[in-house]
mmCIF file of all heavy atoms, coordinates in Angstrom:
data_MODEL
# 
_entry.id   MODEL 
# 
loop_
_atom_site.group_PDB 
_atom_site.id 
_atom_site.type_symbol 
_atom_site.label_atom_id 
_atom_site.label_alt_id 
_atom_site.label_comp_id 
_atom_site.label_asym_id 
_atom_site.label_entity_id 
_atom_site.label_seq_id 
_atom_site.pdbx_PDB_ins_code 
_atom_site.Cartn_x 
_atom_site.Cartn_y 
_atom_site.Cartn_z 
_atom_site.occupancy 
_atom_site.B_iso_or_equiv 
_atom_site.pdbx_formal_charge 
_atom_site.auth_seq_id 
_atom_site.auth_comp_id 
_atom_site.auth_asym_id 
_atom_site.auth_atom_id 
_atom_site.pdbx_PDB_model_num 
ATOM 1   N N   . MET A 1 1  ? 0.820  -1.233 -0.018  1.00 0.00 ? 1  MET A N   1 
ATOM 2   C CA  . MET A 1 1  ? 0.001  -0.037 -0.010  1.00 0.00 ? 1  MET A CA  1 
ATOM 3   C C   . MET A 1 1  ? 0.842  1.248  0.006   1.00 0.00 ? 1  MET A C   1 
ATOM 4   O O   . MET A 1 1  ? 0.546  2.192  -0.696  1.00 0.00 ? 1  MET A O   1 
ATOM 5   C CB  . MET A 1 1  ? -0.932 0.018  1.232   1.00 0.00 ? 1  MET A CB  1 
ATOM 6   C CG  . MET A 1 1  ? -2.051 -0.963 1.141   1.00 0.00 ? 1  MET A CG  1 
ATOM 7   S SD  . MET A 1 1  ? -3.164 -0.844 2.530   1.00 0.00 ? 1  MET A SD  1 
ATOM 8   C CE  . MET A 1 1  ? -4.081 0.598  2.085   1.00 0.00 ? 1  MET A CE  1 
ATOM 9   N N   . VAL A 1 2  ? 1.953  1.237  0.790   1.00 0.00 ? 2  VAL A N   1 
ATOM 10  C CA  . VAL A 1 2  ? 2.815  2.417  0.870   1.00 0.00 ? 2  VAL A CA  1 
ATOM 11  C C   . VAL A 1 2  ? 3.512  2.657  -0.442  1.00 0.00 ? 2  VAL A C   1 
ATOM 12  O O   . VAL A 1 2  ? 3.617  3.781  -0.945  1.00 0.00 ? 2  VAL A O   1 
ATOM 13  C CB  . VAL A 1 2  ? 3.783  2.324  2.054   1.00 0.00 ? 2  VAL A CB  1 
ATOM 14  C CG1 . VAL A 1 2  ? 4.823  3.416  2.014   1.00 0.00 ? 2  VAL A CG1 1 
ATOM 15  C CG2 . VAL A 1 2  ? 3.037  2.345  3.392   1.00 0.00 ? 2  VAL A CG2 1 
ATOM 16  N N   . VAL A 1 3  ? 4.041  1.581  -1.029  1.00 0.00 ? 3  VAL A N   1 
ATOM 17  C CA  . VAL A 1 3  ? 4.799  1.737  -2.307  1.00 0.00 ? 3  VAL A CA  1 
ATOM 18  C C   . VAL A 1 3  ? 3.919  2.234  -3.387  1.00 0.00 ? 3  VAL A C   1 
ATOM 19  O O   . VAL A 1 3  ? 4.222  3.234  -4.105  1.00 0.00 ? 3  VAL A O   1 
ATOM 20  C CB  . VAL A 1 3  ? 5.456  0.390  -2.706  1.00 0.00 ? 3  VAL A CB  1 
ATOM 21  C CG1 . VAL A 1 3  ? 6.003  0.446  -4.077  1.00 0.00 ? 3  VAL A CG1 1 
ATOM 22  C CG2 . VAL A 1 3  ? 6.550  0.029  -1.724  1.00 0.00 ? 3  VAL A CG2 1 
ATOM 23  N N   . SER A 1 4  ? 2.757  1.694  -3.559  1.00 0.00 ? 4  SER A N   1 
ATOM 24  C CA  . SER A 1 4  ? 1.836  2.077  -4.622  1.00 0.00 ? 4  SER A CA  1 
ATOM 25  C C   . SER A 1 4  ? 1.223  3.490  -4.326  1.00 0.00 ? 4  SER A C   1 
ATOM 26  O O   . SER A 1 4  ? 1.063  4.329  -5.212  1.00 0.00 ? 4  SER A O   1 
ATOM 27  C CB  . SER A 1 4  ? 0.731  1.089  -4.897  1.00 0.00 ? 4  SER A CB  1 
ATOM 28  O OG  . SER A 1 4  ? -0.034 0.918  -3.693  1.00 0.00 ? 4  SER A OG  1 
ATOM 29  N N   . GLY A 1 5  ? 0.966  3.722  -3.036  1.00 0.00 ? 5  GLY A N   1 
ATOM 30  C CA  . GLY A 1 5  ? 0.449  5.031  -2.575  1.00 0.00 ? 5  GLY A CA  1 
ATOM 31  C C   . GLY A 1 5  ? 1.411  6.140  -2.836  1.00 0.00 ? 5  GLY A C   1 
ATOM 32  O O   . GLY A 1 5  ? 1.054  7.281  -3.248  1.00 0.00 ? 5  GLY A O   1 
ATOM 33  N N   . LEU A 1 6  ? 2.720  5.913  -2.575  1.00 0.00 ? 6  LEU A N   1 
ATOM 34  C CA  . LEU A 1 6  ? 3.726  6.950  -2.848  1.00 0.00 ? 6  LEU A CA  1 
ATOM 35  C C   . LEU A 1 6  ? 3.824  7.280  -4.313  1.00 0.00 ? 6  LEU A C   1 
ATOM 36  O O   . LEU A 1 6  ? 3.970  8.397  -4.677  1.00 0.00 ? 6  LEU A O   1 
ATOM 37  C CB  . LEU A 1 6  ? 5.107  6.503  -2.253  1.00 0.00 ? 6  LEU A CB  1 
ATOM 38  C CG  . LEU A 1 6  ? 5.259  6.629  -0.790  1.00 0.00 ? 6  LEU A CG  1 
ATOM 39  C CD1 . LEU A 1 6  ? 6.592  6.099  -0.331  1.00 0.00 ? 6  LEU A CD1 1 
ATOM 40  C CD2 . LEU A 1 6  ? 5.130  8.094  -0.320  1.00 0.00 ? 6  LEU A CD2 1 
ATOM 41  N N   . GLY A 1 7  ? 3.740  6.225  -5.149  1.00 0.00 ? 7  GLY A N   1 
ATOM 42  C CA  . GLY A 1 7  ? 3.750  6.472  -6.559  1.00 0.00 ? 7  GLY A CA  1 
ATOM 43  C C   . GLY A 1 7  ? 2.537  7.366  -7.004  1.00 0.00 ? 7  GLY A C   1 
ATOM 44  O O   . GLY A 1 7  ? 2.694  8.295  -7.777  1.00 0.00 ? 7  GLY A O   1 
ATOM 45  N N   . LEU A 1 8  ? 1.373  7.037  -6.465  1.00 0.00 ? 8  LEU A N   1 
ATOM 46  C CA  . LEU A 1 8  ? 0.203  7.856  -6.767  1.00 0.00 ? 8  LEU A CA  1 
ATOM 47  C C   . LEU A 1 8  ? 0.309  9.244  -6.229  1.00 0.00 ? 8  LEU A C   1 
ATOM 48  O O   . LEU A 1 8  ? -0.136 10.231 -6.869  1.00 0.00 ? 8  LEU A O   1 
ATOM 49  C CB  . LEU A 1 8  ? -1.049 7.176  -6.192  1.00 0.00 ? 8  LEU A CB  1 
ATOM 50  C CG  . LEU A 1 8  ? -1.565 5.993  -6.968  1.00 0.00 ? 8  LEU A CG  1 
ATOM 51  C CD1 . LEU A 1 8  ? -2.714 5.341  -6.169  1.00 0.00 ? 8  LEU A CD1 1 
ATOM 52  C CD2 . LEU A 1 8  ? -2.098 6.421  -8.307  1.00 0.00 ? 8  LEU A CD2 1 
ATOM 53  N N   . ASP A 1 9  ? 0.929  9.447  -5.025  1.00 0.00 ? 9  ASP A N   1 
ATOM 54  C CA  . ASP A 1 9  ? 1.126  10.751 -4.435  1.00 0.00 ? 9  ASP A CA  1 
ATOM 55  C C   . ASP A 1 9  ? 2.075  11.557 -5.276  1.00 0.00 ? 9  ASP A C   1 
ATOM 56  O O   . ASP A 1 9  ? 1.813  12.759 -5.489  1.00 0.00 ? 9  ASP A O   1 
ATOM 57  C CB  . ASP A 1 9  ? 1.637  10.643 -3.028  1.00 0.00 ? 9  ASP A CB  1 
ATOM 58  C CG  . ASP A 1 9  ? 0.580  10.212 -2.022  1.00 0.00 ? 9  ASP A CG  1 
ATOM 59  O OD1 . ASP A 1 9  ? -0.586 10.210 -2.383  1.00 0.00 ? 9  ASP A OD1 1 
ATOM 60  O OD2 . ASP A 1 9  ? 0.931  9.814  -0.887  1.00 0.00 ? 9  ASP A OD2 1 
ATOM 61  N N   . ILE A 1 10 ? 3.151  11.013 -5.802  1.00 0.00 ? 10 ILE A N   1 
ATOM 62  C CA  . ILE A 1 10 ? 4.041  11.741 -6.634  1.00 0.00 ? 10 ILE A CA  1 
ATOM 63  C C   . ILE A 1 10 ? 3.362  12.128 -7.937  1.00 0.00 ? 10 ILE A C   1 
ATOM 64  O O   . ILE A 1 10 ? 3.489  13.279 -8.401  1.00 0.00 ? 10 ILE A O   1 
ATOM 65  C CB  . ILE A 1 10 ? 5.342  10.947 -6.896  1.00 0.00 ? 10 ILE A CB  1 
ATOM 66  C CG1 . ILE A 1 10 ? 6.128  10.775 -5.575  1.00 0.00 ? 10 ILE A CG1 1 
ATOM 67  C CG2 . ILE A 1 10 ? 6.207  11.512 -7.983  1.00 0.00 ? 10 ILE A CG2 1 
ATOM 68  C CD1 . ILE A 1 10 ? 7.247  9.826  -5.654  1.00 0.00 ? 10 ILE A CD1 1 
ATOM 69  N N   . LEU A 1 11 ? 2.669  11.204 -8.554  1.00 0.00 ? 11 LEU A N   1 
ATOM 70  C CA  . LEU A 1 11 ? 1.922  11.515 -9.762  1.00 0.00 ? 11 LEU A CA  1 
ATOM 71  C C   . LEU A 1 11 ? 0.893  12.572 -9.508  1.00 0.00 ? 11 LEU A C   1 
ATOM 72  O O   . LEU A 1 11 ? 0.732  13.517 -10.337 1.00 0.00 ? 11 LEU A O   1 
ATOM 73  C CB  . LEU A 1 11 ? 1.289  10.226 -10.314 1.00 0.00 ? 11 LEU A CB  1 
ATOM 74  C CG  . LEU A 1 11 ? 0.511  10.375 -11.621 1.00 0.00 ? 11 LEU A CG  1 
ATOM 75  C CD1 . LEU A 1 11 ? 1.484  10.653 -12.739 1.00 0.00 ? 11 LEU A CD1 1 
ATOM 76  C CD2 . LEU A 1 11 ? -0.238 9.093  -11.874 1.00 0.00 ? 11 LEU A CD2 1 
ATOM 77  N N   . SER A 1 12 ? 0.195  12.511 -8.431  1.00 0.00 ? 12 SER A N   1 
ATOM 78  C CA  . SER A 1 12 ? -0.762 13.524 -8.060  1.00 0.00 ? 12 SER A CA  1 
ATOM 79  C C   . SER A 1 12 ? -0.173 14.896 -7.852  1.00 0.00 ? 12 SER A C   1 
ATOM 80  O O   . SER A 1 12 ? -0.718 15.934 -8.243  1.00 0.00 ? 12 SER A O   1 
ATOM 81  C CB  . SER A 1 12 ? -1.564 13.126 -6.756  1.00 0.00 ? 12 SER A CB  1 
ATOM 82  O OG  . SER A 1 12 ? -2.206 11.934 -6.955  1.00 0.00 ? 12 SER A OG  1 
ATOM 83  N N   . GLY A 1 13 ? 1.013  14.908 -7.208  1.00 0.00 ? 13 GLY A N   1 
ATOM 84  C CA  . GLY A 1 13 ? 1.753  16.195 -7.016  1.00 0.00 ? 13 GLY A CA  1 
ATOM 85  C C   . GLY A 1 13 ? 2.084  16.872 -8.331  1.00 0.00 ? 13 GLY A C   1 
ATOM 86  O O   . GLY A 1 13 ? 1.920  18.056 -8.490  1.00 0.00 ? 13 GLY A O   1 
ATOM 87  N N   . VAL A 1 14 ? 2.562  16.074 -9.284  1.00 0.00 ? 14 VAL A N   1 
ATOM 88  C CA  . VAL A 1 14 ? 2.909  16.593 -10.590 1.00 0.00 ? 14 VAL A CA  1 
ATOM 89  C C   . VAL A 1 14 ? 1.608  17.106 -11.278 1.00 0.00 ? 14 VAL A C   1 
ATOM 90  O O   . VAL A 1 14 ? 1.625  18.216 -11.874 1.00 0.00 ? 14 VAL A O   1 
ATOM 91  C CB  . VAL A 1 14 ? 3.607  15.549 -11.466 1.00 0.00 ? 14 VAL A CB  1 
ATOM 92  C CG1 . VAL A 1 14 ? 3.775  16.019 -12.916 1.00 0.00 ? 14 VAL A CG1 1 
ATOM 93  C CG2 . VAL A 1 14 ? 4.946  15.172 -10.861 1.00 0.00 ? 14 VAL A CG2 1 
ATOM 94  N N   . LEU A 1 15 ? 0.557  16.340 -11.155 1.00 0.00 ? 15 LEU A N   1 
ATOM 95  C CA  . LEU A 1 15 ? -0.729 16.806 -11.775 1.00 0.00 ? 15 LEU A CA  1 
ATOM 96  C C   . LEU A 1 15 ? -1.211 18.094 -11.136 1.00 0.00 ? 15 LEU A C   1 
ATOM 97  O O   . LEU A 1 15 ? -1.649 19.001 -11.873 1.00 0.00 ? 15 LEU A O   1 
ATOM 98  C CB  . LEU A 1 15 ? -1.758 15.686 -11.620 1.00 0.00 ? 15 LEU A CB  1 
ATOM 99  C CG  . LEU A 1 15 ? -3.160 16.029 -12.134 1.00 0.00 ? 15 LEU A CG  1 
ATOM 100 C CD1 . LEU A 1 15 ? -3.124 16.093 -13.622 1.00 0.00 ? 15 LEU A CD1 1 
ATOM 101 C CD2 . LEU A 1 15 ? -4.152 14.995 -11.665 1.00 0.00 ? 15 LEU A CD2 1 
ATOM 102 N N   . ILE A 1 16 ? -1.140 18.232 -9.835  1.00 0.00 ? 16 ILE A N   1 
ATOM 103 C CA  . ILE A 1 16 ? -1.577 19.459 -9.139  1.00 0.00 ? 16 ILE A CA  1 
ATOM 104 C C   . ILE A 1 16 ? -0.715 20.658 -9.601  1.00 0.00 ? 16 ILE A C   1 
ATOM 105 O O   . ILE A 1 16 ? -1.248 21.728 -9.888  1.00 0.00 ? 16 ILE A O   1 
ATOM 106 C CB  . ILE A 1 16 ? -1.522 19.299 -7.660  1.00 0.00 ? 16 ILE A CB  1 
ATOM 107 C CG1 . ILE A 1 16 ? -2.630 18.320 -7.205  1.00 0.00 ? 16 ILE A CG1 1 
ATOM 108 C CG2 . ILE A 1 16 ? -1.704 20.615 -6.896  1.00 0.00 ? 16 ILE A CG2 1 
ATOM 109 C CD1 . ILE A 1 16 ? -2.491 17.849 -5.746  1.00 0.00 ? 16 ILE A CD1 1 
ATOM 110 N N   . TRP A 1 17 ? 0.584  20.415 -9.682  1.00 0.00 ? 17 TRP A N   1 
ATOM 111 C CA  . TRP A 1 17 ? 1.470  21.479 -10.128 1.00 0.00 ? 17 TRP A CA  1 
ATOM 112 C C   . TRP A 1 17 ? 1.117  21.938 -11.548 1.00 0.00 ? 17 TRP A C   1 
ATOM 113 O O   . TRP A 1 17 ? 1.072  23.158 -11.802 1.00 0.00 ? 17 TRP A O   1 
ATOM 114 C CB  . TRP A 1 17 ? 2.927  21.022 -10.068 1.00 0.00 ? 17 TRP A CB  1 
ATOM 115 C CG  . TRP A 1 17 ? 3.900  22.054 -10.458 1.00 0.00 ? 17 TRP A CG  1 
ATOM 116 C CD1 . TRP A 1 17 ? 4.365  23.042 -9.638  1.00 0.00 ? 17 TRP A CD1 1 
ATOM 117 C CD2 . TRP A 1 17 ? 4.556  22.265 -11.686 1.00 0.00 ? 17 TRP A CD2 1 
ATOM 118 N NE1 . TRP A 1 17 ? 5.289  23.843 -10.321 1.00 0.00 ? 17 TRP A NE1 1 
ATOM 119 C CE2 . TRP A 1 17 ? 5.394  23.326 -11.605 1.00 0.00 ? 17 TRP A CE2 1 
ATOM 120 C CE3 . TRP A 1 17 ? 4.448  21.555 -12.911 1.00 0.00 ? 17 TRP A CE3 1 
ATOM 121 C CZ2 . TRP A 1 17 ? 6.143  23.804 -12.662 1.00 0.00 ? 17 TRP A CZ2 1 
ATOM 122 C CZ3 . TRP A 1 17 ? 5.187  22.025 -13.984 1.00 0.00 ? 17 TRP A CZ3 1 
ATOM 123 C CH2 . TRP A 1 17 ? 6.020  23.122 -13.830 1.00 0.00 ? 17 TRP A CH2 1 
ATOM 124 N N   . CYS A 1 18 ? 0.854  20.994 -12.417 1.00 0.00 ? 18 CYS A N   1 
ATOM 125 C CA  . CYS A 1 18 ? 0.484  21.369 -13.805 1.00 0.00 ? 18 CYS A CA  1 
ATOM 126 C C   . CYS A 1 18 ? -0.877 22.132 -13.850 1.00 0.00 ? 18 CYS A C   1 
ATOM 127 O O   . CYS A 1 18 ? -0.957 23.127 -14.581 1.00 0.00 ? 18 CYS A O   1 
ATOM 128 C CB  . CYS A 1 18 ? 0.387  20.119 -14.693 1.00 0.00 ? 18 CYS A CB  1 
ATOM 129 S SG  . CYS A 1 18 ? 1.952  19.341 -14.979 1.00 0.00 ? 18 CYS A SG  1 
ATOM 130 N N   . VAL A 1 19 ? -1.827 21.694 -13.080 1.00 0.00 ? 19 VAL A N   1 
ATOM 131 C CA  . VAL A 1 19 ? -3.158 22.353 -13.045 1.00 0.00 ? 19 VAL A CA  1 
ATOM 132 C C   . VAL A 1 19 ? -2.951 23.757 -12.523 1.00 0.00 ? 19 VAL A C   1 
ATOM 133 O O   . VAL A 1 19 ? -3.517 24.720 -13.072 1.00 0.00 ? 19 VAL A O   1 
ATOM 134 C CB  . VAL A 1 19 ? -4.145 21.560 -12.177 1.00 0.00 ? 19 VAL A CB  1 
ATOM 135 C CG1 . VAL A 1 19 ? -5.371 22.400 -11.878 1.00 0.00 ? 19 VAL A CG1 1 
ATOM 136 C CG2 . VAL A 1 19 ? -4.518 20.314 -12.867 1.00 0.00 ? 19 VAL A CG2 1 
ATOM 137 N N   . LEU A 1 20 ? -2.201 23.954 -11.478 1.00 0.00 ? 20 LEU A N   1 
ATOM 138 C CA  . LEU A 1 20 ? -1.980 25.329 -10.918 1.00 0.00 ? 20 LEU A CA  1 
ATOM 139 C C   . LEU A 1 20 ? -1.242 26.231 -11.888 1.00 0.00 ? 20 LEU A C   1 
ATOM 140 O O   . LEU A 1 20 ? -1.515 27.395 -12.025 1.00 0.00 ? 20 LEU A O   1 
ATOM 141 C CB  . LEU A 1 20 ? -1.207 25.236 -9.573  1.00 0.00 ? 20 LEU A CB  1 
ATOM 142 C CG  . LEU A 1 20 ? -2.043 24.702 -8.407  1.00 0.00 ? 20 LEU A CG  1 
ATOM 143 C CD1 . LEU A 1 20 ? -1.145 24.590 -7.193  1.00 0.00 ? 20 LEU A CD1 1 
ATOM 144 C CD2 . LEU A 1 20 ? -3.265 25.562 -8.171  1.00 0.00 ? 20 LEU A CD2 1 
ATOM 145 N N   . ARG A 1 21 ? -0.236 25.657 -12.618 1.00 0.00 ? 21 ARG A N   1 
ATOM 146 C CA  . ARG A 1 21 ? 0.481  26.482 -13.603 1.00 0.00 ? 21 ARG A CA  1 
ATOM 147 C C   . ARG A 1 21 ? -0.454 26.916 -14.728 1.00 0.00 ? 21 ARG A C   1 
ATOM 148 O O   . ARG A 1 21 ? -0.407 28.091 -15.104 1.00 0.00 ? 21 ARG A O   1 
ATOM 149 C CB  . ARG A 1 21 ? 1.640  25.667 -14.245 1.00 0.00 ? 21 ARG A CB  1 
ATOM 150 C CG  . ARG A 1 21 ? 2.766  25.315 -13.299 1.00 0.00 ? 21 ARG A CG  1 
ATOM 151 C CD  . ARG A 1 21 ? 3.579  26.501 -12.965 1.00 0.00 ? 21 ARG A CD  1 
ATOM 152 N NE  . ARG A 1 21 ? 4.277  26.920 -14.225 1.00 0.00 ? 21 ARG A NE  1 
ATOM 153 C CZ  . ARG A 1 21 ? 5.052  27.970 -14.304 1.00 0.00 ? 21 ARG A CZ  1 
ATOM 154 N NH1 . ARG A 1 21 ? 5.297  28.716 -13.214 1.00 0.00 ? 21 ARG A NH1 1 
ATOM 155 N NH2 . ARG A 1 21 ? 5.637  28.262 -15.459 1.00 0.00 ? 21 ARG A NH2 1 
ATOM 156 N N   . VAL A 1 22 ? -1.331 26.061 -15.183 1.00 0.00 ? 22 VAL A N   1 
ATOM 157 C CA  . VAL A 1 22 ? -2.268 26.413 -16.213 1.00 0.00 ? 22 VAL A CA  1 
ATOM 158 C C   . VAL A 1 22 ? -3.250 27.462 -15.669 1.00 0.00 ? 22 VAL A C   1 
ATOM 159 O O   . VAL A 1 22 ? -3.601 28.444 -16.343 1.00 0.00 ? 22 VAL A O   1 
ATOM 160 C CB  . VAL A 1 22 ? -3.026 25.191 -16.753 1.00 0.00 ? 22 VAL A CB  1 
ATOM 161 C CG1 . VAL A 1 22 ? -4.195 25.559 -17.628 1.00 0.00 ? 22 VAL A CG1 1 
ATOM 162 C CG2 . VAL A 1 22 ? -2.083 24.279 -17.505 1.00 0.00 ? 22 VAL A CG2 1 
ATOM 163 N N   . ALA A 1 23 ? -3.767 27.234 -14.484 1.00 0.00 ? 23 ALA A N   1 
ATOM 164 C CA  . ALA A 1 23 ? -4.711 28.178 -13.854 1.00 0.00 ? 23 ALA A CA  1 
ATOM 165 C C   . ALA A 1 23 ? -4.096 29.543 -13.681 1.00 0.00 ? 23 ALA A C   1 
ATOM 166 O O   . ALA A 1 23 ? -4.748 30.573 -14.031 1.00 0.00 ? 23 ALA A O   1 
ATOM 167 C CB  . ALA A 1 23 ? -5.165 27.639 -12.518 1.00 0.00 ? 23 ALA A CB  1 
ATOM 168 N N   . PHE A 1 24 ? -2.848 29.651 -13.196 1.00 0.00 ? 24 PHE A N   1 
ATOM 169 C CA  . PHE A 1 24 ? -2.180 30.970 -13.082 1.00 0.00 ? 24 PHE A CA  1 
ATOM 170 C C   . PHE A 1 24 ? -1.921 31.604 -14.395 1.00 0.00 ? 24 PHE A C   1 
ATOM 171 O O   . PHE A 1 24 ? -2.017 32.803 -14.576 1.00 0.00 ? 24 PHE A O   1 
ATOM 172 C CB  . PHE A 1 24 ? -0.929 30.840 -12.261 1.00 0.00 ? 24 PHE A CB  1 
ATOM 173 C CG  . PHE A 1 24 ? -1.149 30.646 -10.787 1.00 0.00 ? 24 PHE A CG  1 
ATOM 174 C CD1 . PHE A 1 24 ? -0.429 29.726 -10.076 1.00 0.00 ? 24 PHE A CD1 1 
ATOM 175 C CD2 . PHE A 1 24 ? -2.098 31.425 -10.111 1.00 0.00 ? 24 PHE A CD2 1 
ATOM 176 C CE1 . PHE A 1 24 ? -0.630 29.472 -8.721  1.00 0.00 ? 24 PHE A CE1 1 
ATOM 177 C CE2 . PHE A 1 24 ? -2.279 31.242 -8.729  1.00 0.00 ? 24 PHE A CE2 1 
ATOM 178 C CZ  . PHE A 1 24 ? -1.562 30.288 -8.060  1.00 0.00 ? 24 PHE A CZ  1 
ATOM 179 N N   . SER A 1 25 ? -1.553 30.789 -15.436 1.00 0.00 ? 25 SER A N   1 
ATOM 180 C CA  . SER A 1 25 ? -1.252 31.394 -16.741 1.00 0.00 ? 25 SER A CA  1 
ATOM 181 C C   . SER A 1 25 ? -2.538 31.922 -17.427 1.00 0.00 ? 25 SER A C   1 
ATOM 182 O O   . SER A 1 25 ? -2.499 32.766 -18.266 1.00 0.00 ? 25 SER A O   1 
ATOM 183 C CB  . SER A 1 25 ? -0.593 30.358 -17.632 1.00 0.00 ? 25 SER A CB  1 
ATOM 184 O OG  . SER A 1 25 ? -1.464 29.331 -17.987 1.00 0.00 ? 25 SER A OG  1 
ATOM 185 N N   . LEU A 1 26 ? -3.713 31.366 -17.019 1.00 0.00 ? 26 LEU A N   1 
ATOM 186 C CA  . LEU A 1 26 ? -4.957 31.812 -17.564 1.00 0.00 ? 26 LEU A CA  1 
ATOM 187 C C   . LEU A 1 26 ? -5.518 33.034 -16.786 1.00 0.00 ? 26 LEU A C   1 
ATOM 188 O O   . LEU A 1 26 ? -6.627 33.514 -17.120 1.00 0.00 ? 26 LEU A O   1 
ATOM 189 C CB  . LEU A 1 26 ? -6.028 30.684 -17.603 1.00 0.00 ? 26 LEU A CB  1 
ATOM 190 C CG  . LEU A 1 26 ? -5.699 29.560 -18.546 1.00 0.00 ? 26 LEU A CG  1 
ATOM 191 C CD1 . LEU A 1 26 ? -6.758 28.444 -18.397 1.00 0.00 ? 26 LEU A CD1 1 
ATOM 192 C CD2 . LEU A 1 26 ? -5.717 30.046 -19.996 1.00 0.00 ? 26 LEU A CD2 1 
ATOM 193 N N   . GLY A 1 27 ? -4.816 33.454 -15.753 1.00 0.00 ? 27 GLY A N   1 
ATOM 194 C CA  . GLY A 1 27 ? -5.246 34.633 -14.990 1.00 0.00 ? 27 GLY A CA  1 
ATOM 195 C C   . GLY A 1 27 ? -5.938 34.375 -13.704 1.00 0.00 ? 27 GLY A C   1 
ATOM 196 O O   . GLY A 1 27 ? -6.416 35.312 -13.059 1.00 0.00 ? 27 GLY A O   1 
ATOM 197 N N   . TRP A 1 28 ? -6.017 33.138 -13.253 1.00 0.00 ? 28 TRP A N   1 
ATOM 198 C CA  . TRP A 1 28 ? -6.683 32.858 -11.935 1.00 0.00 ? 28 TRP A CA  1 
ATOM 199 C C   . TRP A 1 28 ? -5.766 33.298 -10.837 1.00 0.00 ? 28 TRP A C   1 
ATOM 200 O O   . TRP A 1 28 ? -4.572 33.066 -10.837 1.00 0.00 ? 28 TRP A O   1 
ATOM 201 C CB  . TRP A 1 28 ? -6.915 31.329 -11.828 1.00 0.00 ? 28 TRP A CB  1 
ATOM 202 C CG  . TRP A 1 28 ? -7.559 31.027 -10.501 1.00 0.00 ? 28 TRP A CG  1 
ATOM 203 C CD1 . TRP A 1 28 ? -8.851 31.056 -10.206 1.00 0.00 ? 28 TRP A CD1 1 
ATOM 204 C CD2 . TRP A 1 28 ? -6.881 30.491 -9.347  1.00 0.00 ? 28 TRP A CD2 1 
ATOM 205 N NE1 . TRP A 1 28 ? -9.045 30.686 -8.922  1.00 0.00 ? 28 TRP A NE1 1 
ATOM 206 C CE2 . TRP A 1 28 ? -7.845 30.350 -8.342  1.00 0.00 ? 28 TRP A CE2 1 
ATOM 207 C CE3 . TRP A 1 28 ? -5.562 30.238 -9.060  1.00 0.00 ? 28 TRP A CE3 1 
ATOM 208 C CZ2 . TRP A 1 28 ? -7.556 29.859 -7.084  1.00 0.00 ? 28 TRP A CZ2 1 
ATOM 209 C CZ3 . TRP A 1 28 ? -5.255 29.763 -7.779  1.00 0.00 ? 28 TRP A CZ3 1 
ATOM 210 C CH2 . TRP A 1 28 ? -6.232 29.588 -6.825  1.00 0.00 ? 28 TRP A CH2 1 
ATOM 211 N N   . THR A 1 29 ? -6.348 33.977 -9.856  1.00 0.00 ? 29 THR A N   1 
ATOM 212 C CA  . THR A 1 29 ? -5.614 34.340 -8.629  1.00 0.00 ? 29 THR A CA  1 
ATOM 213 C C   . THR A 1 29 ? -6.481 33.975 -7.450  1.00 0.00 ? 29 THR A C   1 
ATOM 214 O O   . THR A 1 29 ? -7.722 34.008 -7.496  1.00 0.00 ? 29 THR A O   1 
ATOM 215 C CB  . THR A 1 29 ? -5.305 35.861 -8.554  1.00 0.00 ? 29 THR A CB  1 
ATOM 216 O OG1 . THR A 1 29 ? -6.509 36.576 -8.549  1.00 0.00 ? 29 THR A OG1 1 
ATOM 217 C CG2 . THR A 1 29 ? -4.484 36.320 -9.758  1.00 0.00 ? 29 THR A CG2 1 
ATOM 218 N N   . PRO A 1 30 ? -5.860 33.578 -6.351  1.00 0.00 ? 30 PRO A N   1 
ATOM 219 C CA  . PRO A 1 30 ? -6.650 33.118 -5.192  1.00 0.00 ? 30 PRO A CA  1 
ATOM 220 C C   . PRO A 1 30 ? -7.297 34.272 -4.440  1.00 0.00 ? 30 PRO A C   1 
ATOM 221 O O   . PRO A 1 30 ? -8.149 34.052 -3.622  1.00 0.00 ? 30 PRO A O   1 
ATOM 222 C CB  . PRO A 1 30 ? -5.603 32.459 -4.310  1.00 0.00 ? 30 PRO A CB  1 
ATOM 223 C CG  . PRO A 1 30 ? -4.307 33.031 -4.730  1.00 0.00 ? 30 PRO A CG  1 
ATOM 224 C CD  . PRO A 1 30 ? -4.446 33.361 -6.144  1.00 0.00 ? 30 PRO A CD  1 
# 
């Protein structure tokens, strides 16, 4: 569970980073 979960967490972190980069480039601000 830990090995597969860490893989998913790393993949999720990259996905979140990409989504935030796109959101900020489109003009979204918090």
